[in-house]
Protein backbone atom coordinates (compact mmCIF):
# COMPACT_ATOMS: atom_id res chain seq x y z
CA MET A 1 -5.17 16.68 14.13
CA ASN A 2 -5.58 14.75 10.71
CA THR A 3 -2.80 12.91 9.11
CA ILE A 4 -1.54 11.05 5.68
CA LEU A 5 0.30 8.20 6.38
CA VAL A 6 2.16 7.02 2.69
CA GLY A 7 4.66 4.76 1.39
CA SER A 8 8.14 5.89 0.97
CA GLN A 9 9.05 3.53 -1.19
CA TRP A 10 7.87 0.60 -3.26
CA GLY A 11 5.65 -0.37 -1.06
CA ASP A 12 5.83 -2.91 2.16
CA GLU A 13 7.42 -0.31 4.30
CA GLY A 14 5.28 -1.84 7.00
CA LYS A 15 2.86 1.06 7.41
CA GLY A 16 0.16 -1.60 8.76
CA LYS A 17 2.07 -1.97 11.55
CA ILE A 18 1.96 1.90 11.71
CA ILE A 19 -1.16 2.90 11.43
CA ASP A 20 -2.12 0.24 13.90
CA VAL A 21 0.07 1.69 16.76
CA LEU A 22 -1.07 5.70 15.42
CA THR A 23 -5.01 4.03 15.18
CA GLU A 24 -5.04 4.33 19.44
CA GLU A 25 -4.78 8.09 19.01
CA VAL A 26 -7.14 8.70 16.08
CA ASP A 27 -10.95 8.50 15.82
CA LEU A 28 -11.33 7.09 12.11
CA VAL A 29 -9.30 5.31 9.61
CA VAL A 30 -9.71 5.52 5.94
CA ARG A 31 -8.60 3.82 3.26
CA SER A 32 -8.38 5.85 -0.39
CA GLN A 33 -7.42 4.22 -3.12
CA GLY A 34 -6.18 0.48 -4.69
CA GLY A 35 -7.73 -2.58 -3.97
CA ASN A 36 -7.11 -6.48 -2.45
CA ASN A 37 -3.64 -6.28 -4.09
CA ALA A 38 -2.35 -4.82 -1.09
CA GLY A 39 -1.74 -6.53 1.81
CA HIS A 40 -1.15 -5.05 5.17
CA THR A 41 0.15 -7.78 8.21
CA ILE A 42 -0.46 -7.05 11.82
CA VAL A 43 0.60 -8.71 14.70
CA HIS A 44 -1.08 -8.80 17.85
CA GLY A 45 0.95 -10.74 20.72
CA GLU A 46 0.31 -14.60 19.65
CA ARG A 47 -2.15 -13.39 16.93
CA LYS A 48 -1.33 -12.37 13.08
CA TYR A 49 -4.16 -10.50 11.07
CA ILE A 50 -4.09 -9.88 6.97
CA LEU A 51 -5.89 -7.37 6.03
CA HIS A 52 -6.18 -6.69 2.34
CA LEU A 53 -9.40 -3.86 1.95
CA ILE A 54 -10.49 -3.05 5.57
CA PRO A 55 -8.20 -0.39 7.06
CA SER A 56 -6.51 -2.07 9.66
CA GLY A 57 -8.30 0.34 12.51
CA ILE A 58 -11.06 -2.37 12.50
CA LEU A 59 -8.89 -4.26 14.95
CA ARG A 60 -9.09 -1.50 17.54
CA PRO A 61 -12.35 -1.26 19.67
CA LYS A 62 -14.72 1.89 19.30
CA LYS A 63 -12.44 3.20 15.79
CA VAL A 64 -14.13 3.43 12.71
CA CYS A 65 -12.82 2.47 9.48
CA VAL A 66 -13.93 3.59 5.95
CA ILE A 67 -12.97 2.74 2.61
CA GLY A 68 -13.30 6.01 0.06
CA ASN A 69 -14.42 6.31 -3.19
CA GLY A 70 -11.12 6.18 -4.74
CA VAL A 71 -10.55 1.84 -3.35
CA VAL A 72 -11.45 -0.45 -5.67
CA ILE A 73 -13.59 -3.43 -4.18
CA ASP A 74 -13.73 -7.07 -5.40
CA PRO A 75 -17.19 -7.49 -3.32
CA ILE A 76 -16.84 -11.12 -3.22
CA ALA A 77 -13.14 -10.64 -2.18
CA LEU A 78 -14.72 -8.12 0.77
CA VAL A 79 -17.41 -10.59 2.00
CA GLU A 80 -14.48 -13.15 2.88
CA GLU A 81 -12.10 -10.63 4.33
CA ILE A 82 -15.20 -9.50 6.81
CA SER A 83 -16.03 -12.63 7.42
CA GLY A 84 -12.58 -13.92 8.03
CA LEU A 85 -12.49 -11.18 10.20
CA ARG A 86 -15.75 -11.99 12.66
CA SER A 87 -14.28 -15.69 12.83
CA GLN A 88 -11.23 -14.56 14.47
CA GLY A 89 -13.36 -12.53 17.19
CA ILE A 90 -13.01 -9.09 15.26
CA LYS A 91 -16.60 -7.02 15.35
CA VAL A 92 -17.10 -5.51 11.71
CA ASN A 93 -20.86 -3.86 11.04
CA GLY A 94 -21.82 -1.16 9.49
CA ASN A 95 -20.97 1.22 12.76
CA ASN A 96 -17.74 0.29 12.43
CA LEU A 97 -17.05 -0.05 8.77
CA LEU A 98 -18.52 2.26 5.90
CA ILE A 99 -18.35 1.89 2.45
CA SER A 100 -18.39 4.20 -0.26
CA GLN A 101 -21.43 3.96 -2.72
CA SER A 102 -18.71 5.69 -5.17
CA ALA A 103 -16.53 3.19 -5.38
CA HIS A 104 -15.42 1.43 -8.78
CA ILE A 105 -16.49 -2.33 -8.52
CA VAL A 106 -13.41 -5.20 -9.56
CA MET A 107 -15.30 -7.48 -11.43
CA PRO A 108 -14.41 -11.25 -13.04
CA TYR A 109 -13.30 -9.72 -16.62
CA HIS A 110 -10.90 -7.83 -15.00
CA ARG A 111 -9.55 -10.56 -13.21
CA ALA A 112 -9.30 -12.72 -16.15
CA LEU A 113 -8.29 -9.61 -18.32
CA ASP A 114 -5.33 -9.04 -15.73
CA GLU A 115 -3.85 -12.35 -15.81
CA ALA A 116 -4.24 -13.04 -19.77
CA ARG A 117 -2.79 -9.40 -20.83
CA GLU A 118 0.62 -10.48 -17.81
CA GLN A 119 0.55 -13.69 -19.69
CA ILE A 120 0.67 -12.08 -23.24
CA LYS A 121 3.96 -9.40 -21.68
CA GLY A 122 6.15 -12.15 -21.15
CA LYS A 123 9.79 -11.13 -20.19
CA ASN A 124 7.83 -7.29 -20.08
CA LYS A 125 5.68 -8.11 -17.69
CA ILE A 126 4.87 -6.23 -14.91
CA GLY A 127 4.47 -8.54 -11.85
CA THR A 128 0.44 -7.79 -11.28
CA THR A 129 -1.03 -9.77 -8.40
CA LYS A 130 -3.93 -10.67 -10.78
CA ARG A 131 -6.32 -9.26 -9.00
CA GLY A 132 -7.76 -6.97 -11.72
CA ILE A 133 -7.01 -3.72 -9.99
CA GLY A 134 -5.25 -2.32 -12.96
CA PRO A 135 -8.41 -3.15 -15.60
CA ALA A 136 -11.09 -1.81 -13.18
CA TYR A 137 -9.55 1.55 -12.69
CA GLY A 138 -9.32 1.11 -16.27
CA ASP A 139 -13.05 0.98 -16.86
CA LYS A 140 -13.37 3.57 -14.15
CA ALA A 141 -11.24 6.12 -16.33
CA ALA A 142 -13.21 4.80 -19.30
CA ARG A 143 -16.62 5.60 -17.46
CA VAL A 144 -18.10 2.03 -18.19
CA GLY A 145 -17.09 0.58 -14.31
CA LEU A 146 -19.87 -0.15 -12.35
CA ARG A 147 -20.14 1.60 -8.44
CA MET A 148 -21.13 0.13 -5.62
CA ALA A 149 -24.23 1.89 -5.98
CA ASP A 150 -24.99 -0.04 -9.30
CA LEU A 151 -24.88 -3.29 -7.21
CA MET A 152 -27.56 -2.12 -4.59
CA ARG A 153 -30.19 -1.81 -7.53
CA PRO A 154 -30.29 -5.53 -8.72
CA GLU A 155 -32.49 -3.40 -12.40
CA ILE A 156 -29.51 -1.23 -13.22
CA PHE A 157 -26.99 -4.02 -12.22
CA GLU A 158 -28.79 -6.23 -14.03
CA GLU A 159 -28.40 -4.46 -17.29
CA LYS A 160 -25.03 -2.83 -17.07
CA LEU A 161 -24.01 -6.07 -16.61
CA ARG A 162 -25.25 -7.71 -19.36
CA LEU A 163 -23.78 -4.93 -21.50
CA ARG A 164 -20.31 -4.99 -19.89
CA LEU A 165 -19.90 -8.93 -20.36
CA GLN A 166 -20.97 -8.86 -23.79
CA GLU A 167 -18.39 -6.54 -24.62
CA ASN A 168 -15.64 -7.87 -21.96
CA ASN A 169 -16.56 -11.81 -23.27
CA LEU A 170 -15.34 -10.66 -26.66
CA LEU A 171 -11.96 -9.19 -25.27
CA LEU A 172 -11.46 -12.42 -23.61
CA GLN A 173 -12.49 -14.32 -26.13
CA SER A 174 -9.77 -12.82 -28.51
CA PHE A 175 -6.73 -13.76 -26.05
CA GLY A 176 -8.06 -17.83 -25.93
CA ARG A 177 -10.41 -17.15 -22.77
CA LYS A 178 -13.63 -18.82 -21.77
CA LYS A 179 -16.57 -16.37 -21.72
CA LEU A 180 -18.06 -15.52 -18.58
CA SER A 181 -21.54 -16.68 -17.35
CA PHE A 182 -24.13 -14.42 -16.46
CA SER A 183 -26.01 -15.60 -14.47
CA LYS A 184 -23.12 -16.95 -12.66
CA VAL A 185 -21.65 -13.36 -11.80
CA PHE A 186 -24.67 -11.75 -11.63
CA SER A 187 -25.81 -14.52 -8.47
CA GLN A 188 -22.36 -14.21 -6.91
CA TYR A 189 -22.17 -10.50 -6.68
CA GLN A 190 -26.13 -9.49 -5.81
CA GLU A 191 -25.06 -12.49 -2.55
CA ALA A 192 -22.44 -10.04 -2.00
CA ALA A 193 -24.70 -6.95 -2.18
CA VAL A 194 -27.20 -8.05 0.15
CA PHE A 195 -24.44 -9.04 2.90
CA LEU A 196 -22.20 -5.25 1.98
CA LYS A 197 -25.42 -3.26 1.77
CA PRO A 198 -26.02 -1.99 5.58
CA PHE A 199 -21.53 -0.60 5.18
CA LEU A 200 -22.67 1.47 2.34
CA THR A 201 -23.04 5.28 2.74
CA ASN A 202 -22.01 9.05 1.30
CA THR A 203 -18.16 8.87 3.04
CA VAL A 204 -17.32 11.68 1.80
CA ALA A 205 -20.44 13.26 3.87
CA TYR A 206 -19.65 11.39 6.99
CA LEU A 207 -16.22 12.51 6.56
CA HIS A 208 -16.95 16.38 6.65
CA GLU A 209 -19.24 15.78 9.40
CA ALA A 210 -16.30 14.24 11.56
CA ILE A 211 -13.58 16.94 10.59
CA ALA A 212 -16.77 19.60 11.45
CA GLU A 213 -16.39 17.33 15.01
CA LYS A 214 -12.74 18.20 15.05
CA LYS A 215 -12.54 14.44 15.18
CA LYS A 216 -8.75 12.60 14.28
CA ILE A 217 -8.71 11.31 11.05
CA LEU A 218 -5.68 8.93 10.05
CA PHE A 219 -5.82 8.43 5.70
CA GLU A 220 -3.94 4.40 5.17
CA GLY A 221 -2.01 4.54 2.27
CA ALA A 222 -1.31 1.44 0.53
CA GLN A 223 1.80 0.58 -2.17
CA GLY A 224 4.16 2.87 -2.17
CA THR A 225 5.04 6.20 -3.94
CA PHE A 226 7.52 4.61 -6.43
CA LEU A 227 4.04 2.66 -7.32
CA ASP A 228 2.09 5.40 -7.94
CA LEU A 229 0.70 5.94 -11.43
CA ASP A 230 2.10 9.57 -11.97
CA HIS A 231 5.16 9.19 -10.56
CA GLY A 232 6.39 5.65 -10.11
CA THR A 233 8.52 4.03 -12.37
CA TYR A 234 5.88 3.81 -14.74
CA PRO A 235 5.29 1.46 -16.12
CA PHE A 236 5.53 -1.26 -13.32
CA VAL A 237 3.39 0.88 -11.08
CA THR A 238 -0.13 0.21 -9.49
CA SER A 239 -3.36 2.18 -11.53
CA SER A 240 -3.55 4.50 -8.92
CA ASN A 241 -1.97 7.25 -7.10
CA THR A 242 -0.54 6.32 -3.72
CA THR A 243 0.42 9.34 -3.46
CA SER A 244 -0.07 11.93 -0.48
CA GLY A 245 -2.55 14.19 -3.12
CA GLY A 246 -4.35 10.47 -4.02
CA ALA A 247 -5.20 10.39 -0.32
CA CYS A 248 -7.22 13.78 -0.67
CA THR A 249 -8.99 13.01 -3.87
CA GLY A 250 -10.03 9.08 -3.04
CA SER A 251 -12.05 10.24 0.35
CA GLY A 252 -13.30 13.72 -0.43
CA VAL A 253 -11.50 15.17 1.70
CA PRO A 254 -9.41 18.56 1.17
CA PRO A 255 -6.14 19.13 1.09
CA ASN A 256 -6.15 22.28 3.77
CA ALA A 257 -8.01 19.73 5.88
CA ILE A 258 -4.60 17.90 6.18
CA ASP A 259 -2.26 18.90 9.19
CA SER A 260 0.80 16.27 8.84
CA VAL A 261 1.96 13.94 6.23
CA VAL A 262 3.87 10.26 8.25
CA GLY A 263 6.40 8.87 5.40
CA VAL A 264 7.10 5.15 6.27
CA MET A 265 9.93 3.68 5.32
CA LYS A 266 12.05 0.27 5.79
CA ALA A 267 15.70 0.81 7.08
CA TYR A 268 16.70 -1.01 3.73
CA THR A 269 14.46 -1.17 0.37
CA THR A 270 12.07 -3.42 -1.35
CA ARG A 271 10.09 -4.08 -3.78
CA VAL A 272 7.99 -6.81 -5.09
CA GLY A 273 7.25 -7.70 -8.59
CA GLU A 274 9.06 -6.35 -11.82
CA GLY A 275 10.72 -2.85 -12.63
CA PRO A 276 13.82 -1.21 -12.30
CA PHE A 277 15.40 -1.78 -8.13
CA PRO A 278 18.84 0.46 -8.36
CA THR A 279 20.07 -0.87 -5.01
CA GLU A 280 18.87 -4.70 -4.98
CA ASP A 281 21.50 -7.05 -3.55
CA ARG A 282 20.90 -10.58 -3.77
CA ALA A 283 22.99 -10.93 -0.57
CA MET A 284 21.00 -8.97 1.35
CA SER A 285 18.30 -10.48 -0.25
CA CYS A 286 19.32 -13.94 0.80
CA MET A 287 20.01 -12.98 4.22
CA LEU A 288 16.41 -11.49 4.91
CA HIS A 289 14.82 -14.38 3.10
CA GLU A 290 16.74 -16.76 5.44
CA MET A 291 14.74 -15.22 8.09
CA GLY A 292 11.93 -15.43 7.77
CA ARG A 293 11.17 -12.02 6.85
CA GLU A 294 10.11 -10.16 3.23
CA PHE A 295 7.39 -12.13 1.60
CA GLY A 296 4.47 -10.68 0.51
CA ALA A 297 0.85 -10.50 2.40
CA THR A 298 -1.39 -10.81 -0.33
CA THR A 299 0.83 -13.09 -2.67
CA GLY A 300 3.55 -14.67 -0.71
CA ARG A 301 6.25 -13.83 -3.24
CA ALA A 302 9.38 -13.31 -1.82
CA ARG A 303 10.63 -9.50 -2.35
CA ARG A 304 13.54 -8.10 -3.44
CA CYS A 305 16.03 -6.92 -1.47
CA GLY A 306 18.21 -4.10 -1.52
CA TRP A 307 20.40 -1.60 0.72
CA PHE A 308 18.60 2.06 1.88
CA ASP A 309 17.81 4.15 -1.08
CA ALA A 310 18.21 7.94 0.25
CA VAL A 311 17.60 8.94 -3.85
CA ALA A 312 14.14 7.95 -4.03
CA THR A 313 13.33 8.41 -0.40
CA SER A 314 14.66 12.43 -0.54
CA TYR A 315 11.90 12.43 -3.43
CA ALA A 316 9.32 10.51 -1.66
CA THR A 317 9.91 13.78 0.68
CA MET A 318 9.38 16.14 -2.40
CA ILE A 319 6.38 14.48 -3.47
CA ASN A 320 3.75 13.94 -0.72
CA GLY A 321 5.21 16.62 1.81
CA ILE A 322 6.02 14.48 4.26
CA ASN A 323 7.16 16.03 7.83
CA ARG A 324 7.68 12.82 9.99
CA LEU A 325 9.73 9.54 9.32
CA ALA A 326 8.41 6.38 10.83
CA ILE A 327 11.49 3.73 9.70
CA THR A 328 10.74 -0.04 10.62
CA ASN A 329 12.58 -2.90 10.28
CA VAL A 330 15.41 -1.75 11.78
CA ASP A 331 15.94 -4.99 13.48
CA GLY A 332 16.49 -6.82 9.70
CA LEU A 333 20.53 -5.38 10.14
CA ASP A 334 21.12 -6.13 13.17
CA GLN A 335 23.60 -8.85 12.41
CA LEU A 336 25.45 -6.79 9.88
CA GLU A 337 28.80 -5.18 10.12
CA LYS A 338 28.79 -2.72 7.34
CA ILE A 339 25.84 -1.37 6.02
CA PHE A 340 25.57 0.87 2.32
CA ILE A 341 23.37 3.87 2.22
CA CYS A 342 22.91 5.16 -2.06
CA THR A 343 22.91 8.47 -1.64
CA GLY A 344 23.19 9.66 -5.40
CA TYR A 345 22.83 6.84 -8.89
CA ARG A 346 25.81 6.97 -11.47
CA LEU A 347 23.67 7.67 -15.30
CA SER A 348 24.76 5.30 -17.71
CA GLY A 349 27.72 5.85 -20.28
CA SER A 350 28.49 9.34 -17.78
CA ARG A 351 30.60 10.34 -15.20
CA LYS A 352 27.07 12.16 -13.59
CA ILE A 353 25.89 11.36 -10.37
CA LEU A 354 22.10 11.96 -10.00
CA THR A 355 20.51 12.89 -6.77
CA ILE A 356 16.73 13.24 -8.36
CA PRO A 357 15.41 9.92 -9.60
CA PRO A 358 14.99 9.55 -13.66
CA GLU A 359 11.55 9.56 -14.45
CA ASP A 360 12.35 7.23 -17.39
CA ALA A 361 12.40 3.75 -16.18
CA GLN A 362 14.72 2.56 -18.83
CA GLU A 363 17.05 5.03 -18.29
CA LEU A 364 16.36 4.21 -13.80
CA ALA A 365 17.09 0.62 -14.50
CA GLY A 366 21.03 1.55 -16.28
CA CYS A 367 21.67 3.33 -13.45
CA LYS A 368 24.62 2.27 -10.89
CA PRO A 369 24.05 3.28 -7.18
CA VAL A 370 26.57 5.36 -4.96
CA TYR A 371 27.22 4.32 -1.87
CA GLU A 372 28.40 5.82 1.46
CA THR A 373 29.58 2.87 4.05
CA MET A 374 28.53 3.22 7.66
CA SER A 375 29.11 0.66 10.50
CA GLY A 376 26.65 -1.60 11.68
CA TRP A 377 25.69 -2.48 15.50
CA MET A 378 25.49 -5.94 15.83
CA VAL A 379 24.18 -6.72 18.63
CA PRO A 380 19.94 -7.24 18.51
CA THR A 381 17.46 -4.28 18.62
CA SER A 382 14.03 -5.98 19.01
CA HIS A 383 13.50 -6.23 22.49
CA LEU A 384 14.89 -2.74 23.39
CA GLN A 385 11.87 -0.24 24.70
CA CYS A 386 13.44 3.66 24.18
CA TYR A 387 14.83 5.02 21.52
CA CYS A 388 17.85 6.44 23.70
CA ASP A 389 18.70 2.54 24.14
CA LEU A 390 19.30 1.81 20.13
CA PRO A 391 23.15 0.75 19.93
CA LEU A 392 24.88 4.28 19.35
CA ASN A 393 25.74 3.30 15.66
CA ALA A 394 22.21 2.30 14.73
CA ARG A 395 21.19 5.57 15.63
CA ARG A 396 23.83 7.09 13.63
CA TYR A 397 22.60 5.20 11.13
CA LEU A 398 18.78 6.20 11.24
CA GLU A 399 19.96 9.89 11.98
CA ARG A 400 21.47 9.87 8.35
CA LEU A 401 18.67 8.67 6.70
CA ALA A 402 16.80 11.35 8.29
CA GLU A 403 18.17 13.51 7.18
CA LEU A 404 19.78 12.04 3.58
CA THR A 405 15.27 11.63 3.22
CA GLY A 406 15.18 15.61 4.20
CA ALA A 407 11.87 14.88 7.16
CA PRO A 408 12.45 14.51 10.75
CA LEU A 409 12.24 11.26 12.36
CA TRP A 410 9.62 10.79 14.28
CA MET A 411 9.29 6.79 15.13
CA VAL A 412 11.64 3.71 14.78
CA SER A 413 9.87 -0.01 15.00
CA VAL A 414 12.35 -2.92 15.94
CA GLY A 415 9.48 -5.10 15.59
CA PRO A 416 6.14 -6.30 14.66
CA GLY A 417 4.68 -6.11 17.72
CA ARG A 418 2.54 -3.03 18.92
CA HIS A 419 5.54 -2.54 21.79
CA GLN A 420 8.44 -3.11 19.83
CA THR A 421 7.83 1.14 18.86
CA LEU A 422 10.40 3.55 19.93
CA TRP A 423 9.27 6.87 19.65
CA ILE A 424 11.89 10.05 19.41
CA LYS A 425 10.94 13.14 21.76
């Protein structure tokens, strides 16, 4: 079975843990979009691993991980990530990690421009990680980007880099930034090229061979549905397609090869960065932060937190074709006496109740949530080993979320460990 795993909210839904659990039953794990602006946190026993570009399957022996053509790769960051995993005793080589030759490269001028553009926006900033992801995808769309295949051919890379630096240094100077040195950038990237060359291949051909051999593939999503470039709360989005369709274009695997789409969502809602967030609740944010929860894996930024938004998740089900749900962070709600679920938005200046999110971010920002209330369970859940052992009110709450979201409940997570996973049979 080939499965796409997507985030049903604004990212940070706990996908890394769910991917890690599901990887036990598959042969390959594929990353198909995004860059090192995303992060997956995996907990194995006493060890915590934070992954940015490499699929979570790398932590399991005998699994093959693929970074697809839809990903934008910072070669320097990827070398550091591979080296970091090796220093922790994780095997990473050209047999268990394959990188697409067609993947585009994040360059130093992308990072510099990302930071400069964000700075001049002031209060209208998007809240990017300043990793250069947006400008890299911009160059890709403008057909002036550099790809991993270019990096492997020094004479081609040198010629293209000179042209790109000439243009981008003028841009950087217009922002009051320093010019980048050709010799320094060329030297750093060629050093990374030598390190990464054994990993490069035609990943599209490799994946189609795997499909022909009936191997099981898991497509790993980065970010979440409402950060999708087309379907998210634009312009407060990322620069790639984070929905299930993006897994196909970003890997070269056709839709008819996909058997299932798993939607991952928290038992509440969080968001990082700027942009509309209808159910945001300051008291809930404080509670979760005081518990040591909800800090970004990549940036360490405190996430904005709020009540579960069923308007958003039902729309995510529609867009992605989700047919199984994994709900995470249930234990984060253990101490609450009352829990609220957003079932509609009241449009600003109107009595009208919306059950589909407005596509305009400003209109969404003016919406007020309409809540229904459920009783909490007020007992710890992180130690439980079976779904049937969850408190009755917890099961009622989870089943209500699935009903409102429009897909069957399949898996529940009550903690970061593999053993803290409850299956619904």
